[in-house]
Amino acid sequence: MWNLLKRMVDNKKEYREMMDRVKQLPEDYQFVYDKIQHYMWNFAKGNGYDRLKVQYELIDLFEAGVLEGKPVLEFAGTNVAAFCDELLANCRTYTDDLRKTLNESILKKLGGK
């Protein structure tokens, strides 16, 4: 129980630190980041930790873009949904988990007959 609580506190702290980095970005980058973040969470792709990793990478990418003086849409393009889908392409989905559980439960009961 203690480990679970500690993990939750650590994750919350880490998330706040990540959002502090976002607040340092120019307004247009913050706006696009916020929209991308909402898109990711609304589609529930990944297990949460997958998405956080993607969000960290996105912040790194955006920070590099700011340093290079590039507009945010140079990275995200005009089809931001497709950009998000590409970012999430390697994340595990809840549907993947459900499929795996279904197959395993049937094979366990029927022995692969």
PDB file of N, CA and C in Angstrom:
ATOM      1  N   MET A   1       0.822  -1.189   0.000  1.00  0.00           N
ATOM      2  CA  MET A   1       0.000   0.000   0.000  1.00  0.00           C
ATOM      3  C   MET A   1       0.870   1.259   0.000  1.00  0.00           C
ATOM      4  N   TRP A   2       1.914   1.225   0.846  1.00  0.00           N
ATOM      5  CA  TRP A   2       2.807   2.381   0.936  1.00  0.00           C
ATOM      6  C   TRP A   2       3.465   2.669  -0.411  1.00  0.00           C
ATOM      7  N   ASN A   3       3.890   1.601  -1.104  1.00  0.00           N
ATOM      8  CA  ASN A   3       4.538   1.789  -2.407  1.00  0.00           C
ATOM      9  C   ASN A   3       3.599   2.434  -3.413  1.00  0.00           C
ATOM     10  N   LEU A   4       2.346   2.035  -3.383  1.00  0.00           N
ATOM     11  CA  LEU A   4       1.361   2.621  -4.294  1.00  0.00           C
ATOM     12  C   LEU A   4       1.176   4.108  -4.009  1.00  0.00           C
ATOM     13  N   LEU A   5       1.058   4.466  -2.742  1.00  0.00           N
ATOM     14  CA  LEU A   5       0.899   5.879  -2.370  1.00  0.00           C
ATOM     15  C   LEU A   5       2.132   6.690  -2.757  1.00  0.00           C
ATOM     16  N   LYS A   6       3.300   6.138  -2.503  1.00  0.00           N
ATOM     17  CA  LYS A   6       4.542   6.825  -2.861  1.00  0.00           C
ATOM     18  C   LYS A   6       4.616   7.035  -4.371  1.00  0.00           C
ATOM     19  N   ARG A   7       4.238   6.019  -5.119  1.00  0.00           N
ATOM     20  CA  ARG A   7       4.270   6.125  -6.580  1.00  0.00           C
ATOM     21  C   ARG A   7       3.309   7.203  -7.064  1.00  0.00           C
ATOM     22  N   MET A   8       2.117   7.262  -6.470  1.00  0.00           N
ATOM     23  CA  MET A   8       1.143   8.281  -6.853  1.00  0.00           C
ATOM     24  C   MET A   8       1.670   9.685  -6.565  1.00  0.00           C
ATOM     25  N   VAL A   9       2.288   9.882  -5.412  1.00  0.00           N
ATOM     26  CA  VAL A   9       2.843  11.187  -5.051  1.00  0.00           C
ATOM     27  C   VAL A   9       3.976  11.549  -6.001  1.00  0.00           C
ATOM     28  N   ASP A  10       4.861  10.597  -6.274  1.00  0.00           N
ATOM     29  CA  ASP A  10       5.979  10.845  -7.190  1.00  0.00           C
ATOM     30  C   ASP A  10       5.482  11.194  -8.582  1.00  0.00           C
ATOM     31  N   ASN A  11       4.467  10.469  -9.055  1.00  0.00           N
ATOM     32  CA  ASN A  11       3.920  10.732 -10.387  1.00  0.00           C
ATOM     33  C   ASN A  11       3.288  12.117 -10.458  1.00  0.00           C
ATOM     34  N   LYS A  12       2.606  12.512  -9.404  1.00  0.00           N
ATOM     35  CA  LYS A  12       1.979  13.835  -9.366  1.00  0.00           C
ATOM     36  C   LYS A  12       3.047  14.936  -9.404  1.00  0.00           C
ATOM     37  N   LYS A  13       4.111  14.734  -8.643  1.00  0.00           N
ATOM     38  CA  LYS A  13       5.218  15.697  -8.622  1.00  0.00           C
ATOM     39  C   LYS A  13       5.861  15.788 -10.005  1.00  0.00           C
ATOM     40  N   GLU A  14       6.095  14.644 -10.605  1.00  0.00           N
ATOM     41  CA  GLU A  14       6.708  14.601 -11.930  1.00  0.00           C
ATOM     42  C   GLU A  14       5.825  15.303 -12.964  1.00  0.00           C
ATOM     43  N   TYR A  15       4.521  15.087 -12.870  1.00  0.00           N
ATOM     44  CA  TYR A  15       3.586  15.723 -13.794  1.00  0.00           C
ATOM     45  C   TYR A  15       3.612  17.243 -13.616  1.00  0.00           C
ATOM     46  N   ARG A  16       3.625  17.701 -12.369  1.00  0.00           N
ATOM     47  CA  ARG A  16       3.685  19.158 -12.120  1.00  0.00           C
ATOM     48  C   ARG A  16       4.963  19.753 -12.703  1.00  0.00           C
ATOM     49  N   GLU A  17       6.077  19.051 -12.549  1.00  0.00           N
ATOM     50  CA  GLU A  17       7.344  19.534 -13.105  1.00  0.00           C
ATOM     51  C   GLU A  17       7.270  19.610 -14.624  1.00  0.00           C
ATOM     52  N   MET A  18       6.625  18.615 -15.237  1.00  0.00           N
ATOM     53  CA  MET A  18       6.469  18.605 -16.680  1.00  0.00           C
ATOM     54  C   MET A  18       5.640  19.813 -17.125  1.00  0.00           C
ATOM     55  N   MET A  19       4.561  20.087 -16.414  1.00  0.00           N
ATOM     56  CA  MET A  19       3.701  21.209 -16.777  1.00  0.00           C
ATOM     57  C   MET A  19       4.392  22.552 -16.534  1.00  0.00           C
ATOM     58  N   ASP A  20       5.289  22.621 -15.559  1.00  0.00           N
ATOM     59  CA  ASP A  20       6.076  23.838 -15.364  1.00  0.00           C
ATOM     60  C   ASP A  20       6.952  24.113 -16.578  1.00  0.00           C
ATOM     61  N   ARG A  21       7.485  23.058 -17.186  1.00  0.00           N
ATOM     62  CA  ARG A  21       8.280  23.224 -18.405  1.00  0.00           C
ATOM     63  C   ARG A  21       7.410  23.769 -19.532  1.00  0.00           C
ATOM     64  N   VAL A  22       6.190  23.268 -19.623  1.00  0.00           N
ATOM     65  CA  VAL A  22       5.275  23.732 -20.675  1.00  0.00           C
ATOM     66  C   VAL A  22       4.980  25.215 -20.494  1.00  0.00           C
ATOM     67  N   LYS A  23       4.816  25.651 -19.249  1.00  0.00           N
ATOM     68  CA  LYS A  23       4.516  27.062 -18.976  1.00  0.00           C
ATOM     69  C   LYS A  23       5.648  27.992 -19.397  1.00  0.00           C
ATOM     70  N   GLN A  24       6.839  27.459 -19.577  1.00  0.00           N
ATOM     71  CA  GLN A  24       7.978  28.261 -20.013  1.00  0.00           C
ATOM     72  C   GLN A  24       8.010  28.444 -21.532  1.00  0.00           C
ATOM     73  N   LEU A  25       7.195  27.679 -22.249  1.00  0.00           N
ATOM     74  CA  LEU A  25       7.153  27.773 -23.706  1.00  0.00           C
ATOM     75  C   LEU A  25       6.373  29.012 -24.135  1.00  0.00           C
ATOM     76  N   PRO A  26       6.605  29.513 -25.364  1.00  0.00           N
ATOM     77  CA  PRO A  26       5.796  30.611 -25.878  1.00  0.00           C
ATOM     78  C   PRO A  26       4.314  30.199 -25.941  1.00  0.00           C
ATOM     79  N   GLU A  27       3.450  31.188 -25.969  1.00  0.00           N
ATOM     80  CA  GLU A  27       2.003  30.951 -25.894  1.00  0.00           C
ATOM     81  C   GLU A  27       1.491  30.009 -26.988  1.00  0.00           C
ATOM     82  N   ASP A  28       1.978  30.169 -28.225  1.00  0.00           N
ATOM     83  CA  ASP A  28       1.482  29.299 -29.298  1.00  0.00           C
ATOM     84  C   ASP A  28       1.895  27.848 -29.074  1.00  0.00           C
ATOM     85  N   TYR A  29       3.095  27.628 -28.562  1.00  0.00           N
ATOM     86  CA  TYR A  29       3.544  26.276 -28.235  1.00  0.00           C
ATOM     87  C   TYR A  29       2.704  25.702 -27.091  1.00  0.00           C
ATOM     88  N   GLN A  30       2.424  26.519 -26.083  1.00  0.00           N
ATOM     89  CA  GLN A  30       1.588  26.064 -24.960  1.00  0.00           C
ATOM     90  C   GLN A  30       0.203  25.662 -25.449  1.00  0.00           C
ATOM     91  N   PHE A  31      -0.359  26.475 -26.322  1.00  0.00           N
ATOM     92  CA  PHE A  31      -1.690  26.205 -26.851  1.00  0.00           C
ATOM     93  C   PHE A  31      -1.726  24.863 -27.580  1.00  0.00           C
ATOM     94  N   VAL A  32      -0.776  24.646 -28.475  1.00  0.00           N
ATOM     95  CA  VAL A  32      -0.728  23.399 -29.242  1.00  0.00           C
ATOM     96  C   VAL A  32      -0.457  22.221 -28.307  1.00  0.00           C
ATOM     97  N   TYR A  33       0.443  22.395 -27.349  1.00  0.00           N
ATOM     98  CA  TYR A  33       0.729  21.319 -26.400  1.00  0.00           C
ATOM     99  C   TYR A  33      -0.538  20.934 -25.635  1.00  0.00           C
ATOM    100  N   ASP A  34      -1.264  21.916 -25.159  1.00  0.00           N
ATOM    101  CA  ASP A  34      -2.488  21.657 -24.400  1.00  0.00           C
ATOM    102  C   ASP A  34      -3.495  20.885 -25.249  1.00  0.00           C
ATOM    103  N   LYS A  35      -3.671  21.294 -26.483  1.00  0.00           N
ATOM    104  CA  LYS A  35      -4.612  20.615 -27.375  1.00  0.00           C
ATOM    105  C   LYS A  35      -4.173  19.173 -27.641  1.00  0.00           C
ATOM    106  N   ILE A  36      -2.878  18.982 -27.856  1.00  0.00           N
ATOM    107  CA  ILE A  36      -2.358  17.631 -28.090  1.00  0.00           C
ATOM    108  C   ILE A  36      -2.556  16.768 -26.847  1.00  0.00           C
ATOM    109  N   GLN A  37      -2.275  17.325 -25.690  1.00  0.00           N
ATOM    110  CA  GLN A  37      -2.424  16.577 -24.445  1.00  0.00           C
ATOM    111  C   GLN A  37      -3.880  16.130 -24.255  1.00  0.00           C
ATOM    112  N   HIS A  38      -4.820  17.011 -24.493  1.00  0.00           N
ATOM    113  CA  HIS A  38      -6.239  16.651 -24.376  1.00  0.00           C
ATOM    114  C   HIS A  38      -6.617  15.568 -25.380  1.00  0.00           C
ATOM    115  N   TYR A  39      -6.115  15.681 -26.575  1.00  0.00           N
ATOM    116  CA  TYR A  39      -6.385  14.670 -27.601  1.00  0.00           C
ATOM    117  C   TYR A  39      -5.877  13.308 -27.139  1.00  0.00           C
ATOM    118  N   MET A  40      -4.651  13.274 -26.643  1.00  0.00           N
ATOM    119  CA  MET A  40      -4.067  12.008 -26.187  1.00  0.00           C
ATOM    120  C   MET A  40      -4.905  11.368 -25.086  1.00  0.00           C
ATOM    121  N   TRP A  41      -5.306  12.155 -24.104  1.00  0.00           N
ATOM    122  CA  TRP A  41      -6.049  11.605 -22.970  1.00  0.00           C
ATOM    123  C   TRP A  41      -7.471  11.238 -23.358  1.00  0.00           C
ATOM    124  N   ASN A  42      -8.074  11.983 -24.256  1.00  0.00           N
ATOM    125  CA  ASN A  42      -9.445  11.658 -24.684  1.00  0.00           C
ATOM    126  C   ASN A  42      -9.517  10.335 -25.430  1.00  0.00           C
ATOM    127  N   PHE A  43      -8.481   9.999 -26.159  1.00  0.00           N
ATOM    128  CA  PHE A  43      -8.495   8.761 -26.916  1.00  0.00           C
ATOM    129  C   PHE A  43      -7.954   7.587 -26.124  1.00  0.00           C
ATOM    130  N   ALA A  44      -7.525   7.841 -24.886  1.00  0.00           N
ATOM    131  CA  ALA A  44      -7.106   6.786 -23.962  1.00  0.00           C
ATOM    132  C   ALA A  44      -6.148   5.784 -24.594  1.00  0.00           C
ATOM    133  N   LYS A  45      -5.233   6.277 -25.351  1.00  0.00           N
ATOM    134  CA  LYS A  45      -4.229   5.400 -25.954  1.00  0.00           C
ATOM    135  C   LYS A  45      -3.096   5.211 -24.962  1.00  0.00           C
ATOM    136  N   GLY A  46      -2.634   4.018 -24.840  1.00  0.00           N
ATOM    137  CA  GLY A  46      -1.546   3.723 -23.919  1.00  0.00           C
ATOM    138  C   GLY A  46      -2.058   3.478 -22.517  1.00  0.00           C
ATOM    139  N   ASN A  47      -1.129   3.278 -21.596  1.00  0.00           N
ATOM    140  CA  ASN A  47      -1.522   2.953 -20.226  1.00  0.00           C
ATOM    141  C   ASN A  47      -1.323   4.124 -19.281  1.00  0.00           C
ATOM    142  N   GLY A  48      -1.155   5.295 -19.800  1.00  0.00           N
ATOM    143  CA  GLY A  48      -0.910   6.460 -18.960  1.00  0.00           C
ATOM    144  C   GLY A  48       0.572   6.766 -18.916  1.00  0.00           C
ATOM    145  N   TYR A  49       1.353   5.775 -18.527  1.00  0.00           N
ATOM    146  CA  TYR A  49       2.801   5.966 -18.477  1.00  0.00           C
ATOM    147  C   TYR A  49       3.362   6.094 -19.886  1.00  0.00           C
ATOM    148  N   ASP A  50       2.780   5.370 -20.838  1.00  0.00           N
ATOM    149  CA  ASP A  50       3.192   5.518 -22.243  1.00  0.00           C
ATOM    150  C   ASP A  50       2.993   6.953 -22.692  1.00  0.00           C
ATOM    151  N   ARG A  51       1.822   7.495 -22.371  1.00  0.00           N
ATOM    152  CA  ARG A  51       1.502   8.857 -22.803  1.00  0.00           C
ATOM    153  C   ARG A  51       2.411   9.881 -22.148  1.00  0.00           C
ATOM    154  N   LEU A  52       2.732   9.679 -20.875  1.00  0.00           N
ATOM    155  CA  LEU A  52       3.631  10.629 -20.211  1.00  0.00           C
ATOM    156  C   LEU A  52       4.979  10.665 -20.905  1.00  0.00           C
ATOM    157  N   LYS A  53       5.486   9.507 -21.286  1.00  0.00           N
ATOM    158  CA  LYS A  53       6.766   9.453 -22.005  1.00  0.00           C
ATOM    159  C   LYS A  53       6.664  10.243 -23.308  1.00  0.00           C
ATOM    160  N   VAL A  54       5.564  10.057 -24.030  1.00  0.00           N
ATOM    161  CA  VAL A  54       5.354  10.784 -25.279  1.00  0.00           C
ATOM    162  C   VAL A  54       5.271  12.283 -25.007  1.00  0.00           C
ATOM    163  N   GLN A  55       4.600  12.666 -23.928  1.00  0.00           N
ATOM    164  CA  GLN A  55       4.478  14.087 -23.602  1.00  0.00           C
ATOM    165  C   GLN A  55       5.828  14.694 -23.244  1.00  0.00           C
ATOM    166  N   TYR A  56       6.669  13.949 -22.521  1.00  0.00           N
ATOM    167  CA  TYR A  56       8.019  14.441 -22.228  1.00  0.00           C
ATOM    168  C   TYR A  56       8.793  14.659 -23.525  1.00  0.00           C
ATOM    169  N   GLU A  57       8.697  13.705 -24.427  1.00  0.00           N
ATOM    170  CA  GLU A  57       9.398  13.825 -25.706  1.00  0.00           C
ATOM    171  C   GLU A  57       8.875  15.017 -26.507  1.00  0.00           C
ATOM    172  N   LEU A  58       7.575  15.245 -26.414  1.00  0.00           N
ATOM    173  CA  LEU A  58       6.987  16.387 -27.112  1.00  0.00           C
ATOM    174  C   LEU A  58       7.493  17.705 -26.534  1.00  0.00           C
ATOM    175  N   ILE A  59       7.597  17.775 -25.224  1.00  0.00           N
ATOM    176  CA  ILE A  59       8.138  18.989 -24.597  1.00  0.00           C
ATOM    177  C   ILE A  59       9.575  19.207 -25.051  1.00  0.00           C
ATOM    178  N   ASP A  60      10.373  18.140 -25.075  1.00  0.00           N
ATOM    179  CA  ASP A  60      11.758  18.256 -25.559  1.00  0.00           C
ATOM    180  C   ASP A  60      11.784  18.793 -26.985  1.00  0.00           C
ATOM    181  N   LEU A  61      10.929  18.243 -27.832  1.00  0.00           N
ATOM    182  CA  LEU A  61      10.851  18.678 -29.223  1.00  0.00           C
ATOM    183  C   LEU A  61      10.451  20.151 -29.312  1.00  0.00           C
ATOM    184  N   PHE A  62       9.444  20.541 -28.535  1.00  0.00           N
ATOM    185  CA  PHE A  62       8.988  21.924 -28.547  1.00  0.00           C
ATOM    186  C   PHE A  62      10.062  22.867 -28.001  1.00  0.00           C
ATOM    187  N   GLU A  63      10.741  22.475 -26.937  1.00  0.00           N
ATOM    188  CA  GLU A  63      11.815  23.322 -26.399  1.00  0.00           C
ATOM    189  C   GLU A  63      12.920  23.515 -27.428  1.00  0.00           C
ATOM    190  N   ALA A  64      13.255  22.457 -28.152  1.00  0.00           N
ATOM    191  CA  ALA A  64      14.270  22.568 -29.205  1.00  0.00           C
ATOM    192  C   ALA A  64      13.787  23.504 -30.304  1.00  0.00           C
ATOM    193  N   GLY A  65      12.508  23.418 -30.651  1.00  0.00           N
ATOM    194  CA  GLY A  65      11.945  24.303 -31.668  1.00  0.00           C
ATOM    195  C   GLY A  65      12.002  25.759 -31.257  1.00  0.00           C
ATOM    196  N   VAL A  66      11.719  26.020 -29.985  1.00  0.00           N
ATOM    197  CA  VAL A  66      11.787  27.397 -29.477  1.00  0.00           C
ATOM    198  C   VAL A  66      13.217  27.912 -29.590  1.00  0.00           C
ATOM    199  N   LEU A  67      14.185  27.093 -29.186  1.00  0.00           N
ATOM    200  CA  LEU A  67      15.592  27.503 -29.249  1.00  0.00           C
ATOM    201  C   LEU A  67      16.037  27.786 -30.686  1.00  0.00           C
ATOM    202  N   GLU A  68      15.463  27.041 -31.634  1.00  0.00           N
ATOM    203  CA  GLU A  68      15.804  27.235 -33.042  1.00  0.00           C
ATOM    204  C   GLU A  68      14.976  28.343 -33.693  1.00  0.00           C
ATOM    205  N   GLY A  69      14.017  28.896 -32.953  1.00  0.00           N
ATOM    206  CA  GLY A  69      13.188  29.969 -33.476  1.00  0.00           C
ATOM    207  C   GLY A  69      12.163  29.515 -34.502  1.00  0.00           C
ATOM    208  N   LYS A  70      11.768  28.252 -34.449  1.00  0.00           N
ATOM    209  CA  LYS A  70      10.814  27.712 -35.418  1.00  0.00           C
ATOM    210  C   LYS A  70       9.379  27.861 -34.914  1.00  0.00           C
ATOM    211  N   PRO A  71       8.439  28.110 -35.822  1.00  0.00           N
ATOM    212  CA  PRO A  71       7.031  28.134 -35.431  1.00  0.00           C
ATOM    213  C   PRO A  71       6.567  26.724 -35.056  1.00  0.00           C
ATOM    214  N   VAL A  72       5.624  26.637 -34.123  1.00  0.00           N
ATOM    215  CA  VAL A  72       5.179  25.345 -33.608  1.00  0.00           C
ATOM    216  C   VAL A  72       4.583  24.464 -34.703  1.00  0.00           C
ATOM    217  N   LEU A  73       3.901  25.052 -35.668  1.00  0.00           N
ATOM    218  CA  LEU A  73       3.292  24.245 -36.716  1.00  0.00           C
ATOM    219  C   LEU A  73       4.312  23.656 -37.678  1.00  0.00           C
ATOM    220  N   GLU A  74       5.550  24.118 -37.597  1.00  0.00           N
ATOM    221  CA  GLU A  74       6.596  23.484 -38.396  1.00  0.00           C
ATOM    222  C   GLU A  74       6.832  22.054 -37.899  1.00  0.00           C
ATOM    223  N   PHE A  75       6.589  21.820 -36.623  1.00  0.00           N
ATOM    224  CA  PHE A  75       6.724  20.473 -36.052  1.00  0.00           C
ATOM    225  C   PHE A  75       5.427  19.692 -36.178  1.00  0.00           C
ATOM    226  N   ALA A  76       4.336  20.317 -35.791  1.00  0.00           N
ATOM    227  CA  ALA A  76       3.056  19.612 -35.710  1.00  0.00           C
ATOM    228  C   ALA A  76       2.342  19.537 -37.053  1.00  0.00           C
ATOM    229  N   GLY A  77       2.660  20.439 -37.963  1.00  0.00           N
ATOM    230  CA  GLY A  77       1.978  20.469 -39.247  1.00  0.00           C
ATOM    231  C   GLY A  77       0.563  21.002 -39.101  1.00  0.00           C
ATOM    232  N   THR A  78      -0.183  21.013 -40.197  1.00  0.00           N
ATOM    233  CA  THR A  78      -1.555  21.522 -40.155  1.00  0.00           C
ATOM    234  C   THR A  78      -2.553  20.419 -39.799  1.00  0.00           C
ATOM    235  N   ASN A  79      -2.134  19.161 -39.871  1.00  0.00           N
ATOM    236  CA  ASN A  79      -2.978  18.042 -39.444  1.00  0.00           C
ATOM    237  C   ASN A  79      -2.420  17.554 -38.100  1.00  0.00           C
ATOM    238  N   VAL A  80      -2.770  18.276 -37.062  1.00  0.00           N
ATOM    239  CA  VAL A  80      -2.221  17.990 -35.734  1.00  0.00           C
ATOM    240  C   VAL A  80      -2.716  16.641 -35.217  1.00  0.00           C
ATOM    241  N   ALA A  81      -3.924  16.237 -35.584  1.00  0.00           N
ATOM    242  CA  ALA A  81      -4.435  14.926 -35.170  1.00  0.00           C
ATOM    243  C   ALA A  81      -3.549  13.811 -35.730  1.00  0.00           C
ATOM    244  N   ALA A  82      -3.145  13.921 -36.972  1.00  0.00           N
ATOM    245  CA  ALA A  82      -2.256  12.914 -37.562  1.00  0.00           C
ATOM    246  C   ALA A  82      -0.895  12.928 -36.865  1.00  0.00           C
ATOM    247  N   PHE A  83      -0.412  14.122 -36.522  1.00  0.00           N
ATOM    248  CA  PHE A  83       0.839  14.258 -35.781  1.00  0.00           C
ATOM    249  C   PHE A  83       0.729  13.525 -34.442  1.00  0.00           C
ATOM    250  N   CYS A  84      -0.407  13.709 -33.746  1.00  0.00           N
ATOM    251  CA  CYS A  84      -0.645  13.029 -32.467  1.00  0.00           C
ATOM    252  C   CYS A  84      -0.692  11.524 -32.645  1.00  0.00           C
ATOM    253  N   ASP A  85      -1.406  11.084 -33.664  1.00  0.00           N
ATOM    254  CA  ASP A  85      -1.509   9.647 -33.918  1.00  0.00           C
ATOM    255  C   ASP A  85      -0.126   9.037 -34.149  1.00  0.00           C
ATOM    256  N   GLU A  86       0.720   9.761 -34.828  1.00  0.00           N
ATOM    257  CA  GLU A  86       2.093   9.281 -35.065  1.00  0.00           C
ATOM    258  C   GLU A  86       2.876   9.213 -33.759  1.00  0.00           C
ATOM    259  N   LEU A  87       2.705  10.224 -32.911  1.00  0.00           N
ATOM    260  CA  LEU A  87       3.368  10.205 -31.611  1.00  0.00           C
ATOM    261  C   LEU A  87       2.941   8.999 -30.780  1.00  0.00           C
ATOM    262  N   LEU A  88       1.683   8.631 -30.899  1.00  0.00           N
ATOM    263  CA  LEU A  88       1.106   7.546 -30.096  1.00  0.00           C
ATOM    264  C   LEU A  88       1.194   6.176 -30.754  1.00  0.00           C
ATOM    265  N   ALA A  89       1.768   6.124 -31.940  1.00  0.00           N
ATOM    266  CA  ALA A  89       1.759   4.879 -32.715  1.00  0.00           C
ATOM    267  C   ALA A  89       2.329   3.681 -31.957  1.00  0.00           C
ATOM    268  N   ASN A  90       3.316   3.874 -31.134  1.00  0.00           N
ATOM    269  CA  ASN A  90       3.952   2.754 -30.442  1.00  0.00           C
ATOM    270  C   ASN A  90       3.426   2.523 -29.033  1.00  0.00           C
ATOM    271  N   CYS A  91       2.417   3.268 -28.632  1.00  0.00           N
ATOM    272  CA  CYS A  91       1.825   3.080 -27.304  1.00  0.00           C
ATOM    273  C   CYS A  91       0.861   1.905 -27.323  1.00  0.00           C
ATOM    274  N   ARG A  92       0.838   1.190 -26.241  1.00  0.00           N
ATOM    275  CA  ARG A  92      -0.119   0.101 -26.084  1.00  0.00           C
ATOM    276  C   ARG A  92      -1.501   0.706 -25.843  1.00  0.00           C
ATOM    277  N   THR A  93      -2.527   0.082 -26.381  1.00  0.00           N
ATOM    278  CA  THR A  93      -3.885   0.588 -26.185  1.00  0.00           C
ATOM    279  C   THR A  93      -4.656  -0.312 -25.228  1.00  0.00           C
ATOM    280  N   TYR A  94      -5.713   0.232 -24.668  1.00  0.00           N
ATOM    281  CA  TYR A  94      -6.592  -0.574 -23.822  1.00  0.00           C
ATOM    282  C   TYR A  94      -7.246  -1.668 -24.654  1.00  0.00           C
ATOM    283  N   THR A  95      -7.520  -1.379 -25.912  1.00  0.00           N
ATOM    284  CA  THR A  95      -8.088  -2.394 -26.801  1.00  0.00           C
ATOM    285  C   THR A  95      -7.105  -3.547 -26.965  1.00  0.00           C
ATOM    286  N   ASP A  96      -5.818  -3.238 -27.094  1.00  0.00           N
ATOM    287  CA  ASP A  96      -4.806  -4.296 -27.172  1.00  0.00           C
ATOM    288  C   ASP A  96      -4.860  -5.176 -25.934  1.00  0.00           C
ATOM    289  N   ASP A  97      -4.978  -4.550 -24.772  1.00  0.00           N
ATOM    290  CA  ASP A  97      -5.048  -5.302 -23.516  1.00  0.00           C
ATOM    291  C   ASP A  97      -6.291  -6.173 -23.470  1.00  0.00           C
ATOM    292  N   LEU A  98      -7.427  -5.634 -23.901  1.00  0.00           N
ATOM    293  CA  LEU A  98      -8.671  -6.409 -23.905  1.00  0.00           C
ATOM    294  C   LEU A  98      -8.576  -7.604 -24.848  1.00  0.00           C
ATOM    295  N   ARG A  99      -7.997  -7.400 -26.010  1.00  0.00           N
ATOM    296  CA  ARG A  99      -7.815  -8.505 -26.969  1.00  0.00           C
ATOM    297  C   ARG A  99      -6.946  -9.603 -26.373  1.00  0.00           C
ATOM    298  N   LYS A 100      -5.850  -9.195 -25.755  1.00  0.00           N
ATOM    299  CA  LYS A 100      -4.932 -10.168 -25.151  1.00  0.00           C
ATOM    300  C   LYS A 100      -5.631 -10.952 -24.043  1.00  0.00           C
ATOM    301  N   THR A 101      -6.363 -10.263 -23.184  1.00  0.00           N
ATOM    302  CA  THR A 101      -7.077 -10.924 -22.091  1.00  0.00           C
ATOM    303  C   THR A 101      -8.123 -11.892 -22.626  1.00  0.00           C
ATOM    304  N   LEU A 102      -8.862 -11.481 -23.640  1.00  0.00           N
ATOM    305  CA  LEU A 102      -9.871 -12.346 -24.244  1.00  0.00           C
ATOM    306  C   LEU A 102      -9.234 -13.625 -24.772  1.00  0.00           C
ATOM    307  N   ASN A 103      -8.208 -13.470 -25.571  1.00  0.00           N
ATOM    308  CA  ASN A 103      -7.542 -14.635 -26.160  1.00  0.00           C
ATOM    309  C   ASN A 103      -6.945 -15.547 -25.093  1.00  0.00           C
ATOM    310  N   GLU A 104      -6.292 -14.960 -24.108  1.00  0.00           N
ATOM    311  CA  GLU A 104      -5.681 -15.778 -23.050  1.00  0.00           C
ATOM    312  C   GLU A 104      -6.720 -16.538 -22.248  1.00  0.00           C
ATOM    313  N   SER A 105      -7.843 -15.883 -21.923  1.00  0.00           N
ATOM    314  CA  SER A 105      -8.862 -16.567 -21.130  1.00  0.00           C
ATOM    315  C   SER A 105      -9.489 -17.727 -21.896  1.00  0.00           C
ATOM    316  N   ILE A 106      -9.719 -17.559 -23.180  1.00  0.00           N
ATOM    317  CA  ILE A 106     -10.294 -18.635 -23.998  1.00  0.00           C
ATOM    318  C   ILE A 106      -9.299 -19.781 -24.139  1.00  0.00           C
ATOM    319  N   LEU A 107      -8.048 -19.455 -24.428  1.00  0.00           N
ATOM    320  CA  LEU A 107      -7.039 -20.498 -24.579  1.00  0.00           C
ATOM    321  C   LEU A 107      -6.785 -21.228 -23.268  1.00  0.00           C
ATOM    322  N   LYS A 108      -6.857 -20.527 -22.171  1.00  0.00           N
ATOM    323  CA  LYS A 108      -6.678 -21.157 -20.874  1.00  0.00           C
ATOM    324  C   LYS A 108      -7.793 -22.164 -20.602  1.00  0.00           C
ATOM    325  N   LYS A 109      -9.026 -21.791 -20.915  1.00  0.00           N
ATOM    326  CA  LYS A 109     -10.193 -22.654 -20.670  1.00  0.00           C
ATOM    327  C   LYS A 109     -10.241 -23.820 -21.639  1.00  0.00           C
ATOM    328  N   LEU A 110      -9.970 -23.532 -22.920  1.00  0.00           N
ATOM    329  CA  LEU A 110     -10.125 -24.566 -23.940  1.00  0.00           C
ATOM    330  C   LEU A 110      -8.825 -25.212 -24.365  1.00  0.00           C
ATOM    331  N   GLY A 111      -7.730 -24.705 -23.865  1.00  0.00           N
ATOM    332  CA  GLY A 111      -6.419 -25.310 -24.169  1.00  0.00           C
ATOM    333  C   GLY A 111      -6.017 -25.224 -25.622  1.00  0.00           C
ATOM    334  N   GLY A 112      -6.498 -24.214 -26.327  1.00  0.00           N
ATOM    335  CA  GLY A 112      -6.085 -24.022 -27.715  1.00  0.00           C
ATOM    336  C   GLY A 112      -6.692 -25.034 -28.670  1.00  0.00           C
ATOM    337  N   LYS A 113      -7.818 -25.659 -28.288  1.00  0.00           N
ATOM    338  CA  LYS A 113      -8.457 -26.675 -29.137  1.00  0.00           C
ATOM    339  C   LYS A 113      -9.095 -26.063 -30.346  1.00  0.00           C
TER     340      LYS A 113
END
